[in-house]
Amino acid sequence: MTGQLPQWFKSSYSNNGGNCIEVAANLVASCGIVPVRDSKSVDGPVVGVRTAAFSAFVAGVQAGTFDPA
């Protein structure tokens, strides 16, 4: 890690009753990870997702890969 603090961001589309995540995209370039946390538990655990895996996840969401059948 670089000593840089995460700048948490929650999507404006996240108005779904609290089932949201936050990401800290400011650490992507310096660390190669996207920190992810539960927006309801800001002092809880943080998962560091590698940039390529996070990009693949976002592409899957946009393509409808995870939509209910």
Protein backbone atom coordinates (compact mmCIF):
# COMPACT_ATOMS: atom_id res chain seq x y z
CA MET A 1 0.00 0.00 0.00
CA THR A 2 1.11 3.55 -0.57
CA GLY A 3 -0.07 5.17 2.64
CA GLN A 4 -2.74 6.88 0.57
CA LEU A 5 -6.16 6.83 2.24
CA PRO A 6 -9.10 5.37 0.33
CA GLN A 7 -11.63 7.88 -0.97
CA TRP A 8 -14.87 5.92 -0.76
CA PHE A 9 -17.49 6.29 -3.46
CA LYS A 10 -21.03 4.93 -3.67
CA SER A 11 -22.89 5.03 -6.96
CA SER A 12 -25.78 7.43 -7.33
CA TYR A 13 -27.74 4.38 -8.57
CA SER A 14 -27.45 2.85 -5.08
CA ASN A 15 -30.78 4.05 -3.74
CA ASN A 16 -32.08 0.52 -3.12
CA GLY A 17 -32.72 0.43 0.61
CA GLY A 18 -29.15 0.13 1.83
CA ASN A 19 -27.84 -2.92 -0.01
CA CYS A 20 -24.84 -1.07 -1.41
CA ILE A 21 -21.12 -1.31 -1.69
CA GLU A 22 -18.55 1.44 -1.78
CA VAL A 23 -15.31 1.40 -3.75
CA ALA A 24 -12.13 3.44 -3.45
CA ALA A 25 -11.11 3.94 -7.06
CA ASN A 26 -8.32 6.35 -6.10
CA LEU A 27 -6.08 3.39 -5.20
CA VAL A 28 -6.30 1.65 -8.58
CA ALA A 29 -3.29 3.32 -10.19
CA SER A 30 -0.97 3.20 -7.18
CA CYS A 31 -1.91 -0.23 -5.79
CA GLY A 32 -3.54 -2.18 -8.64
CA ILE A 33 -6.54 -2.99 -6.47
CA VAL A 34 -10.07 -1.73 -5.97
CA PRO A 35 -10.93 -1.72 -2.26
CA VAL A 36 -14.59 -2.67 -1.70
CA ARG A 37 -16.66 -2.44 1.50
CA ASP A 38 -20.27 -2.69 2.66
CA SER A 39 -21.72 0.81 2.84
CA LYS A 40 -23.67 -0.12 5.99
CA SER A 41 -20.52 -1.27 7.80
CA VAL A 42 -17.90 1.38 7.11
CA ASP A 43 -15.69 0.14 9.96
CA GLY A 44 -16.04 -3.47 8.80
CA PRO A 45 -13.80 -5.49 6.54
CA VAL A 46 -12.46 -4.23 3.23
CA VAL A 47 -11.88 -6.59 0.31
CA GLY A 48 -9.08 -5.68 -2.08
CA VAL A 49 -10.11 -6.82 -5.57
CA ARG A 50 -7.47 -6.88 -8.30
CA THR A 51 -8.16 -4.33 -11.01
CA ALA A 52 -8.58 -6.89 -13.82
CA ALA A 53 -11.09 -8.92 -11.78
CA PHE A 54 -13.09 -5.82 -10.87
CA SER A 55 -13.14 -4.72 -14.52
CA ALA A 56 -14.37 -8.17 -15.57
CA PHE A 57 -17.10 -8.00 -12.91
CA VAL A 58 -18.26 -4.56 -14.08
CA ALA A 59 -18.29 -5.75 -17.71
CA GLY A 60 -20.39 -8.75 -16.65
CA VAL A 61 -22.88 -6.52 -14.84
CA GLN A 62 -23.15 -4.25 -17.88
CA ALA A 63 -23.65 -7.26 -20.17
CA GLY A 64 -26.43 -8.68 -17.98
CA THR A 65 -24.43 -11.77 -17.01
CA PHE A 66 -25.76 -11.69 -13.45
CA ASP A 67 -29.38 -10.83 -14.23
CA PRO A 68 -31.97 -13.28 -12.86
CA ALA A 69 -33.02 -15.88 -15.38
